[in-house]
Structures are given as structure tokens and as C-alpha cells.
């Protein structure tokens, strides 16, 4: 009654399955993130400066990720910024209210003026194959929303690589 040995090969192997999935999160922002969210309601972006290394982190965390010391000095950054690196997305996102975006599109790291950390954002208003490192961009806010929908070119000359190389 012992099981027969198996070679590990199957006549009709399962190679994948499709199942609905949902992840619900509850997040309680602290002092720093609450100030950040409140500023977004006013279509502003704020970070906090580390009292030790003087770097400005956006979004603020309440402590410097490098030095580990508490931050409290609020600094308004942007609204314009520089594309430090990017990727071209060729896979359509699942349909939701804010992700029904035609492919290909560009998703980039954007160093807002005055910030020492790049944010993620979608680039629009320019053909995907013309997006480049150093491109100067500005936010386009969603109507009635508290977030930037995407960034578009400002028309300014590209930023010199030396001005953003530490953020690549």
C-alpha cells in the first residue's frame, strides 16, 4: 500500500491560474504624513528637512531615513521637477478609476525642485519615445482630486545631469 514513486512529470501540467484578488489596507498617517496630505489638498507638495544632513525628504516620514533623527522643519518643494530615470510601460493596468491608461505610457522618478528624493509619477503630454532623463516637468492635478494625475513637460531646457545625478 505504499505510493508508487513519481517522476515529477505530468501529462497535462497546470501552468497558471486566474483568480480575483483584493487587498484592503488601513493606514493611519502620523504627524509628518498628515501635513503632507493636507498640503496636497491645497495642491502643494511639502517635505521635511533633516536637521543633521539637511536633506529634504518627500513625502516626509517624521525621521531622516539616513541619519535616523527626527524631522520637523517643513519645506515646500516643486511644483516643477526633473525626470531622473523612467521606464516605458507596455502592459495595461487593471481597470480602475485612475488606472485606465492607454499603453505605452511612461512612469518616471521625478526629483521635485528642492527635494533630495525622487517621487514616482506618470509622464504625459509628450510622446513616450521623447521622454528623457533631465526632462523638466510640472504637475497636472486631477479635477477634484488630492493628488497629481501626471506630469507634463514645462518647455524649459533639460536639466544638466550633474544637477540630478545623485538621485538616479
N, C-alpha and C. Protein backbone atom coordinates (compact mmCIF):
# COMPACT_ATOMS: atom_id res chain seq x y z
N UNK A 1 0.80 -1.20 0.00
CA UNK A 1 0.00 0.00 0.00
C UNK A 1 0.85 1.27 0.00
N UNK A 2 2.11 1.15 -0.30
CA UNK A 2 2.95 2.34 -0.39
C UNK A 2 2.70 3.03 -1.72
N UNK A 3 2.76 4.37 -1.72
CA UNK A 3 2.55 5.08 -3.00
C UNK A 3 3.69 4.75 -3.97
N UNK A 4 3.32 4.68 -5.23
CA UNK A 4 4.32 4.40 -6.25
C UNK A 4 5.18 5.62 -6.46
N UNK A 5 6.45 5.46 -6.73
CA UNK A 5 7.31 6.62 -6.99
C UNK A 5 6.80 7.38 -8.21
N UNK A 6 7.03 8.69 -8.20
CA UNK A 6 6.55 9.55 -9.29
C UNK A 6 7.75 10.25 -9.91
N UNK A 7 7.72 10.40 -11.22
CA UNK A 7 8.84 11.03 -11.93
C UNK A 7 8.80 12.56 -11.82
N UNK A 8 7.66 13.11 -11.44
CA UNK A 8 7.51 14.56 -11.38
C UNK A 8 7.01 15.16 -12.68
N UNK A 9 6.78 14.32 -13.66
CA UNK A 9 6.23 14.79 -14.94
C UNK A 9 4.75 14.48 -14.99
N UNK A 10 3.98 15.43 -15.52
CA UNK A 10 2.54 15.28 -15.61
C UNK A 10 2.12 15.38 -17.07
N UNK A 11 1.10 14.64 -17.43
CA UNK A 11 0.62 14.66 -18.80
C UNK A 11 0.02 16.02 -19.17
N UNK A 12 -0.68 16.64 -18.24
CA UNK A 12 -1.33 17.92 -18.50
C UNK A 12 -1.05 18.87 -17.33
N UNK A 13 0.17 19.43 -17.25
CA UNK A 13 0.52 20.24 -16.08
C UNK A 13 -0.25 21.56 -16.05
N UNK A 14 -0.53 22.03 -14.83
CA UNK A 14 -1.15 23.34 -14.64
C UNK A 14 -0.04 24.37 -14.74
N UNK A 15 -0.19 25.32 -15.65
CA UNK A 15 0.85 26.33 -15.85
C UNK A 15 0.48 27.68 -15.28
N UNK A 16 -0.77 27.85 -14.88
CA UNK A 16 -1.19 29.11 -14.28
C UNK A 16 -2.67 29.08 -13.99
N UNK A 17 -3.08 29.98 -13.10
CA UNK A 17 -4.49 30.11 -12.78
C UNK A 17 -4.81 31.60 -12.68
N UNK A 18 -6.05 31.95 -12.92
CA UNK A 18 -6.50 33.33 -12.78
C UNK A 18 -7.54 33.36 -11.67
N UNK A 19 -7.27 34.17 -10.66
CA UNK A 19 -8.20 34.30 -9.54
C UNK A 19 -8.36 35.76 -9.19
N UNK A 20 -9.55 36.17 -8.77
CA UNK A 20 -9.71 37.55 -8.31
C UNK A 20 -8.98 37.73 -6.98
N UNK A 21 -8.34 38.87 -6.81
CA UNK A 21 -7.63 39.15 -5.56
C UNK A 21 -7.96 40.57 -5.12
N UNK A 22 -7.95 40.77 -3.83
CA UNK A 22 -8.21 42.10 -3.30
C UNK A 22 -7.40 42.26 -2.02
N UNK A 23 -6.76 43.40 -1.91
CA UNK A 23 -6.01 43.72 -0.71
C UNK A 23 -6.54 45.03 -0.15
N UNK A 24 -7.06 45.00 1.02
CA UNK A 24 -7.56 46.21 1.67
C UNK A 24 -6.57 46.64 2.74
N UNK A 25 -6.26 47.92 2.77
CA UNK A 25 -5.31 48.44 3.74
C UNK A 25 -5.96 49.53 4.56
N UNK A 26 -5.59 49.60 5.81
CA UNK A 26 -5.97 50.71 6.67
C UNK A 26 -4.65 51.35 7.10
N UNK A 27 -4.51 52.62 6.81
CA UNK A 27 -3.26 53.32 7.11
C UNK A 27 -3.59 54.55 7.95
N UNK A 28 -2.89 54.70 9.03
CA UNK A 28 -3.06 55.88 9.88
C UNK A 28 -1.80 56.72 9.74
N UNK A 29 -1.91 57.87 9.04
CA UNK A 29 -0.73 58.70 8.86
C UNK A 29 -0.35 59.38 10.17
N UNK A 30 0.93 59.53 10.36
CA UNK A 30 1.41 60.26 11.53
C UNK A 30 1.43 61.75 11.27
N UNK A 31 2.11 62.49 12.13
CA UNK A 31 2.18 63.94 12.02
C UNK A 31 2.73 64.38 10.67
N UNK A 32 3.85 63.81 10.25
CA UNK A 32 4.51 64.23 9.01
C UNK A 32 3.66 63.93 7.78
N UNK A 33 3.14 62.72 7.70
CA UNK A 33 2.31 62.36 6.55
C UNK A 33 0.99 63.11 6.54
N UNK A 34 0.44 63.42 7.70
CA UNK A 34 -0.79 64.21 7.75
C UNK A 34 -0.57 65.59 7.17
N UNK A 35 0.57 66.21 7.48
CA UNK A 35 0.90 67.53 6.92
C UNK A 35 1.06 67.43 5.40
N UNK A 36 1.66 66.35 4.94
CA UNK A 36 1.84 66.13 3.52
C UNK A 36 0.49 66.02 2.80
N UNK A 37 -0.41 65.23 3.38
CA UNK A 37 -1.74 65.04 2.78
C UNK A 37 -2.53 66.34 2.80
N UNK A 38 -2.43 67.08 3.88
CA UNK A 38 -3.14 68.37 3.97
C UNK A 38 -2.62 69.34 2.91
N UNK A 39 -1.32 69.37 2.69
CA UNK A 39 -0.75 70.23 1.65
C UNK A 39 -1.24 69.81 0.26
N UNK A 40 -1.37 68.50 0.02
CA UNK A 40 -1.87 68.03 -1.27
C UNK A 40 -3.29 68.54 -1.53
N UNK A 41 -4.09 68.67 -0.47
CA UNK A 41 -5.44 69.22 -0.62
C UNK A 41 -5.40 70.64 -1.17
N UNK A 42 -4.30 71.34 -0.90
CA UNK A 42 -4.11 72.72 -1.38
C UNK A 42 -3.25 72.76 -2.64
N UNK A 43 -3.04 71.59 -3.24
CA UNK A 43 -2.22 71.44 -4.44
C UNK A 43 -0.80 71.96 -4.24
N UNK A 44 -0.26 71.62 -3.08
CA UNK A 44 1.13 71.92 -2.75
C UNK A 44 1.81 70.62 -2.35
N UNK A 45 3.13 70.58 -2.43
CA UNK A 45 3.88 69.41 -2.00
C UNK A 45 4.89 69.85 -0.96
N UNK A 46 4.88 69.18 0.18
CA UNK A 46 5.81 69.52 1.25
C UNK A 46 6.61 68.29 1.66
N UNK A 47 7.81 68.58 2.15
CA UNK A 47 8.66 67.55 2.71
C UNK A 47 9.17 68.05 4.04
N UNK A 48 10.09 67.31 4.62
CA UNK A 48 10.73 67.74 5.86
C UNK A 48 12.24 67.63 5.71
N UNK A 49 12.94 68.63 6.30
CA UNK A 49 14.39 68.68 6.24
C UNK A 49 15.01 68.03 7.47
N UNK A 50 16.02 67.21 7.24
CA UNK A 50 16.75 66.59 8.34
C UNK A 50 17.64 67.64 9.00
N UNK A 51 17.58 67.77 10.32
CA UNK A 51 18.41 68.76 11.00
C UNK A 51 19.90 68.39 10.98
N UNK A 52 20.22 67.14 10.67
CA UNK A 52 21.61 66.70 10.67
C UNK A 52 22.24 66.80 9.27
N UNK A 53 21.69 66.07 8.29
CA UNK A 53 22.28 66.05 6.94
C UNK A 53 21.70 67.14 6.03
N UNK A 54 20.61 67.78 6.45
CA UNK A 54 19.96 68.88 5.72
C UNK A 54 19.23 68.43 4.46
N UNK A 55 19.08 67.14 4.23
CA UNK A 55 18.34 66.67 3.07
C UNK A 55 16.84 66.84 3.30
N UNK A 56 16.12 67.11 2.20
CA UNK A 56 14.66 67.28 2.25
C UNK A 56 14.03 66.03 1.66
N UNK A 57 13.20 65.36 2.47
CA UNK A 57 12.55 64.13 2.05
C UNK A 57 11.07 64.36 1.78
N UNK A 58 10.63 63.86 0.62
CA UNK A 58 9.25 63.97 0.18
C UNK A 58 8.82 62.59 -0.30
N UNK A 59 7.71 62.05 0.18
CA UNK A 59 6.91 62.57 1.28
C UNK A 59 7.66 62.44 2.60
N UNK A 60 7.34 63.31 3.54
CA UNK A 60 8.04 63.26 4.83
C UNK A 60 7.66 62.02 5.62
N UNK A 61 8.60 61.57 6.43
CA UNK A 61 8.39 60.35 7.22
C UNK A 61 8.42 60.62 8.72
N UNK A 62 8.84 61.84 9.09
CA UNK A 62 8.94 62.16 10.51
C UNK A 62 10.32 61.86 11.07
N UNK A 63 11.15 61.18 10.28
CA UNK A 63 12.53 60.89 10.67
C UNK A 63 13.35 60.76 9.40
N UNK A 64 14.61 61.13 9.49
CA UNK A 64 15.52 61.01 8.34
C UNK A 64 15.86 59.54 8.13
N UNK A 65 15.65 59.02 6.91
CA UNK A 65 15.97 57.62 6.66
C UNK A 65 17.47 57.34 6.66
N UNK A 66 18.29 58.37 6.52
CA UNK A 66 19.73 58.19 6.52
C UNK A 66 20.33 58.35 7.91
N UNK A 67 19.95 59.43 8.59
CA UNK A 67 20.54 59.75 9.89
C UNK A 67 19.77 59.14 11.07
N UNK A 68 18.48 58.88 10.85
CA UNK A 68 17.66 58.31 11.91
C UNK A 68 17.19 59.32 12.94
N UNK A 69 17.36 60.61 12.68
CA UNK A 69 16.93 61.63 13.64
C UNK A 69 15.56 62.17 13.24
N UNK A 70 14.84 62.66 14.23
CA UNK A 70 13.50 63.22 13.98
C UNK A 70 13.60 64.45 13.09
N UNK A 71 12.59 64.60 12.23
CA UNK A 71 12.50 65.78 11.37
C UNK A 71 11.24 66.55 11.74
N UNK A 72 11.31 67.86 11.63
CA UNK A 72 10.13 68.68 11.94
C UNK A 72 10.04 69.90 11.03
N UNK A 73 11.17 70.34 10.46
CA UNK A 73 11.16 71.54 9.62
C UNK A 73 10.48 71.23 8.29
N UNK A 74 9.32 71.83 8.08
CA UNK A 74 8.56 71.59 6.85
C UNK A 74 9.10 72.48 5.73
N UNK A 75 9.24 71.92 4.54
CA UNK A 75 9.77 72.62 3.38
C UNK A 75 8.85 72.38 2.20
N UNK A 76 8.40 73.45 1.55
CA UNK A 76 7.61 73.29 0.33
C UNK A 76 8.56 73.07 -0.84
N UNK A 77 8.26 72.10 -1.67
CA UNK A 77 9.10 71.75 -2.81
C UNK A 77 8.29 71.84 -4.10
N UNK A 78 9.02 71.81 -5.23
CA UNK A 78 8.35 71.85 -6.53
C UNK A 78 7.70 73.19 -6.79
N UNK A 79 6.66 73.23 -7.55
CA UNK A 79 5.93 72.10 -8.11
C UNK A 79 6.65 71.43 -9.29
N UNK A 80 7.59 72.15 -9.91
CA UNK A 80 8.30 71.58 -11.05
C UNK A 80 9.40 70.63 -10.59
N UNK A 81 9.83 69.79 -11.53
CA UNK A 81 10.88 68.85 -11.20
C UNK A 81 11.58 68.34 -12.44
N UNK A 82 12.46 67.37 -12.23
CA UNK A 82 13.28 66.81 -13.30
C UNK A 82 13.13 65.29 -13.33
N UNK A 83 12.94 64.73 -14.51
CA UNK A 83 12.91 63.28 -14.68
C UNK A 83 14.33 62.77 -14.47
N UNK A 84 14.51 61.91 -13.48
CA UNK A 84 15.85 61.36 -13.22
C UNK A 84 16.05 60.02 -13.90
N UNK A 85 15.00 59.23 -13.99
CA UNK A 85 15.04 57.97 -14.72
C UNK A 85 13.58 57.59 -14.99
N UNK A 86 13.37 56.65 -15.90
CA UNK A 86 12.00 56.32 -16.29
C UNK A 86 11.95 54.95 -16.94
N UNK A 87 10.72 54.45 -17.09
CA UNK A 87 10.51 53.23 -17.86
C UNK A 87 9.27 53.41 -18.73
N UNK A 88 9.24 52.68 -19.81
CA UNK A 88 8.09 52.69 -20.70
C UNK A 88 7.27 51.45 -20.37
N UNK A 89 6.02 51.66 -20.01
CA UNK A 89 5.13 50.57 -19.60
C UNK A 89 4.31 50.11 -20.80
N UNK A 90 4.39 48.83 -21.08
CA UNK A 90 3.68 48.26 -22.22
C UNK A 90 2.58 47.28 -21.82
N UNK A 91 2.32 47.17 -20.54
CA UNK A 91 1.28 46.25 -20.05
C UNK A 91 0.16 47.08 -19.45
N UNK A 92 -1.04 46.87 -19.93
CA UNK A 92 -2.19 47.64 -19.46
C UNK A 92 -2.50 47.29 -18.01
N UNK A 93 -2.71 48.33 -17.22
CA UNK A 93 -3.06 48.13 -15.81
C UNK A 93 -4.51 47.65 -15.72
N UNK A 94 -4.82 47.00 -14.61
CA UNK A 94 -6.19 46.56 -14.37
C UNK A 94 -7.10 47.78 -14.37
N UNK A 95 -8.30 47.63 -14.83
CA UNK A 95 -9.23 48.76 -14.92
C UNK A 95 -9.68 49.20 -13.52
N UNK A 96 -9.32 50.40 -13.20
CA UNK A 96 -9.85 51.08 -12.03
C UNK A 96 -10.06 52.52 -12.45
N UNK A 97 -10.65 53.30 -11.60
CA UNK A 97 -10.98 54.69 -11.95
C UNK A 97 -9.76 55.49 -12.37
N UNK A 98 -8.62 55.26 -11.74
CA UNK A 98 -7.46 56.09 -12.07
C UNK A 98 -6.34 55.35 -12.77
N UNK A 99 -6.55 54.12 -13.18
CA UNK A 99 -5.51 53.37 -13.85
C UNK A 99 -5.89 52.92 -15.26
N UNK A 100 -6.93 53.47 -15.83
CA UNK A 100 -7.34 53.10 -17.18
C UNK A 100 -6.54 53.96 -18.16
N UNK A 101 -5.27 53.63 -18.30
CA UNK A 101 -4.33 54.41 -19.09
C UNK A 101 -3.93 53.59 -20.31
N UNK A 102 -3.96 54.22 -21.47
CA UNK A 102 -3.57 53.53 -22.69
C UNK A 102 -2.06 53.28 -22.69
N UNK A 103 -1.64 52.12 -23.17
CA UNK A 103 -0.23 51.80 -23.28
C UNK A 103 0.24 52.10 -24.70
N UNK A 104 1.50 52.35 -24.89
CA UNK A 104 2.52 52.50 -23.86
C UNK A 104 2.41 53.86 -23.16
N UNK A 105 2.86 53.89 -21.91
CA UNK A 105 2.97 55.15 -21.18
C UNK A 105 4.27 55.14 -20.40
N UNK A 106 4.63 56.29 -19.87
CA UNK A 106 5.91 56.43 -19.17
C UNK A 106 5.67 56.66 -17.69
N UNK A 107 6.40 55.91 -16.88
CA UNK A 107 6.39 56.06 -15.43
C UNK A 107 7.81 56.47 -15.05
N UNK A 108 7.96 57.52 -14.25
CA UNK A 108 9.28 58.09 -14.01
C UNK A 108 9.54 58.39 -12.55
N UNK A 109 10.81 58.53 -12.22
CA UNK A 109 11.23 59.13 -10.96
C UNK A 109 11.42 60.61 -11.25
N UNK A 110 10.79 61.44 -10.43
CA UNK A 110 10.83 62.88 -10.64
C UNK A 110 11.37 63.53 -9.39
N UNK A 111 12.49 64.24 -9.55
CA UNK A 111 13.07 64.99 -8.44
C UNK A 111 12.45 66.37 -8.45
N UNK A 112 11.54 66.62 -7.51
CA UNK A 112 10.93 67.95 -7.42
C UNK A 112 11.98 68.96 -6.99
N UNK A 113 11.87 70.16 -7.51
CA UNK A 113 12.82 71.22 -7.15
C UNK A 113 12.83 71.39 -5.63
N UNK A 114 14.00 71.32 -5.04
CA UNK A 114 14.14 71.49 -3.59
C UNK A 114 14.10 70.20 -2.80
N UNK A 115 13.82 69.06 -3.45
CA UNK A 115 13.75 67.77 -2.75
C UNK A 115 15.02 66.98 -2.99
N UNK A 116 15.36 66.11 -2.03
CA UNK A 116 16.54 65.27 -2.15
C UNK A 116 16.17 63.80 -2.33
N UNK A 117 14.96 63.56 -2.79
CA UNK A 117 14.47 62.21 -3.04
C UNK A 117 13.48 62.31 -4.19
N UNK A 118 13.57 61.41 -5.16
CA UNK A 118 12.66 61.46 -6.30
C UNK A 118 11.35 60.75 -5.98
N UNK A 119 10.26 61.30 -6.51
CA UNK A 119 8.93 60.69 -6.40
C UNK A 119 8.63 59.90 -7.67
N UNK A 120 7.64 59.05 -7.61
CA UNK A 120 7.18 58.32 -8.79
C UNK A 120 6.04 59.12 -9.41
N UNK A 121 5.96 59.14 -10.73
CA UNK A 121 4.85 59.79 -11.39
C UNK A 121 4.78 59.40 -12.85
N UNK A 122 3.58 59.53 -13.41
CA UNK A 122 3.37 59.24 -14.83
C UNK A 122 3.67 60.50 -15.63
N UNK A 123 4.26 60.32 -16.80
CA UNK A 123 4.57 61.43 -17.70
C UNK A 123 3.57 61.37 -18.85
N UNK A 124 2.96 62.51 -19.17
CA UNK A 124 2.02 62.60 -20.29
C UNK A 124 2.26 63.95 -20.98
N UNK A 125 1.54 64.17 -22.07
CA UNK A 125 1.69 65.43 -22.79
C UNK A 125 2.90 65.45 -23.70
N UNK A 126 3.52 64.29 -23.90
CA UNK A 126 4.69 64.14 -24.76
C UNK A 126 4.69 62.69 -25.23
N UNK A 127 5.06 62.44 -26.49
CA UNK A 127 5.14 61.04 -26.93
C UNK A 127 6.11 60.25 -26.06
N UNK A 128 5.75 59.02 -25.75
CA UNK A 128 6.55 58.20 -24.83
C UNK A 128 8.01 58.08 -25.28
N UNK A 129 8.23 58.07 -26.58
CA UNK A 129 9.61 57.90 -27.06
C UNK A 129 10.42 59.19 -27.08
N UNK A 130 9.83 60.27 -26.57
CA UNK A 130 10.56 61.54 -26.46
C UNK A 130 10.88 61.89 -25.00
N UNK A 131 10.41 61.08 -24.06
CA UNK A 131 10.75 61.30 -22.65
C UNK A 131 12.22 60.95 -22.47
N UNK A 132 12.91 61.72 -21.64
CA UNK A 132 14.33 61.51 -21.45
C UNK A 132 14.75 61.95 -20.05
N UNK A 133 15.87 61.44 -19.60
CA UNK A 133 16.44 61.90 -18.34
C UNK A 133 16.77 63.38 -18.47
N UNK A 134 16.48 64.14 -17.42
CA UNK A 134 16.73 65.57 -17.44
C UNK A 134 15.55 66.40 -17.89
N UNK A 135 14.50 65.75 -18.43
CA UNK A 135 13.31 66.48 -18.88
C UNK A 135 12.70 67.23 -17.72
N UNK A 136 12.42 68.50 -17.91
CA UNK A 136 11.79 69.33 -16.87
C UNK A 136 10.28 69.16 -17.00
N UNK A 137 9.61 68.89 -15.87
CA UNK A 137 8.17 68.61 -15.87
C UNK A 137 7.47 69.39 -14.78
N UNK A 138 6.14 69.48 -14.93
CA UNK A 138 5.29 70.13 -13.93
C UNK A 138 4.06 69.27 -13.71
N UNK A 139 3.43 69.41 -12.53
CA UNK A 139 2.27 68.56 -12.23
C UNK A 139 1.00 69.00 -12.93
N UNK A 140 0.18 68.02 -13.23
CA UNK A 140 -1.20 68.25 -13.70
C UNK A 140 -2.07 67.57 -12.67
N UNK A 141 -2.84 68.36 -11.93
CA UNK A 141 -3.66 67.84 -10.84
C UNK A 141 -4.98 67.32 -11.38
N UNK A 142 -5.47 66.23 -10.80
CA UNK A 142 -6.77 65.69 -11.16
C UNK A 142 -7.85 66.64 -10.67
N UNK A 143 -8.89 66.78 -11.46
CA UNK A 143 -10.02 67.62 -11.04
C UNK A 143 -10.67 67.04 -9.80
N UNK A 144 -10.78 67.84 -8.77
CA UNK A 144 -11.43 67.40 -7.55
C UNK A 144 -10.63 66.38 -6.75
N UNK A 145 -9.43 66.07 -7.20
CA UNK A 145 -8.63 65.06 -6.50
C UNK A 145 -7.55 65.74 -5.67
N UNK A 146 -7.00 64.96 -4.77
CA UNK A 146 -5.94 65.47 -3.90
C UNK A 146 -4.59 64.89 -4.28
N UNK A 147 -4.38 64.68 -5.55
CA UNK A 147 -3.11 64.12 -5.99
C UNK A 147 -2.80 64.59 -7.40
N UNK A 148 -1.56 64.46 -7.77
CA UNK A 148 -1.13 64.77 -9.12
C UNK A 148 -1.55 63.61 -10.02
N UNK A 149 -2.25 63.93 -11.12
CA UNK A 149 -2.64 62.89 -12.07
C UNK A 149 -1.43 62.45 -12.89
N UNK A 150 -0.68 63.42 -13.37
CA UNK A 150 0.52 63.12 -14.15
C UNK A 150 1.39 64.38 -14.21
N UNK A 151 2.55 64.23 -14.80
CA UNK A 151 3.45 65.36 -15.02
C UNK A 151 3.59 65.56 -16.52
N UNK A 152 3.75 66.84 -16.93
CA UNK A 152 3.91 67.17 -18.35
C UNK A 152 5.15 68.04 -18.51
N UNK A 153 5.72 68.09 -19.72
CA UNK A 153 6.90 68.92 -19.94
C UNK A 153 6.59 70.40 -19.70
N UNK A 154 7.58 71.11 -19.16
CA UNK A 154 7.43 72.54 -18.91
C UNK A 154 7.82 73.38 -20.12
N UNK A 155 8.62 72.83 -21.01
CA UNK A 155 9.16 73.60 -22.12
C UNK A 155 10.52 74.21 -21.81
N UNK A 156 10.97 74.06 -20.53
CA UNK A 156 12.29 74.55 -20.15
C UNK A 156 13.36 73.67 -20.77
N UNK A 157 14.58 74.19 -20.88
CA UNK A 157 15.68 73.32 -21.32
C UNK A 157 15.87 72.17 -20.33
N UNK A 158 16.38 71.05 -20.82
CA UNK A 158 16.64 69.90 -19.95
C UNK A 158 17.64 70.28 -18.86
N UNK A 159 17.48 69.65 -17.71
CA UNK A 159 18.42 69.88 -16.60
C UNK A 159 19.74 69.20 -16.91
N UNK A 160 20.82 69.81 -16.46
CA UNK A 160 22.14 69.24 -16.60
C UNK A 160 22.25 68.00 -15.71
N UNK A 161 22.86 66.94 -16.22
CA UNK A 161 22.97 65.69 -15.47
C UNK A 161 23.56 65.87 -14.08
N UNK A 162 24.54 66.74 -13.95
CA UNK A 162 25.19 66.97 -12.65
C UNK A 162 24.22 67.47 -11.59
N UNK A 163 23.10 68.08 -12.00
CA UNK A 163 22.14 68.61 -11.03
C UNK A 163 21.24 67.54 -10.43
N UNK A 164 21.17 66.36 -11.05
CA UNK A 164 20.30 65.31 -10.52
C UNK A 164 20.95 63.93 -10.44
N UNK A 165 22.23 63.82 -10.75
CA UNK A 165 22.88 62.51 -10.80
C UNK A 165 22.85 61.76 -9.48
N UNK A 166 22.80 62.46 -8.36
CA UNK A 166 22.74 61.79 -7.05
C UNK A 166 21.37 61.17 -6.79
N UNK A 167 20.38 61.49 -7.61
CA UNK A 167 19.02 60.99 -7.40
C UNK A 167 18.64 59.90 -8.40
N UNK A 168 19.58 59.50 -9.25
CA UNK A 168 19.29 58.46 -10.26
C UNK A 168 19.26 57.12 -9.57
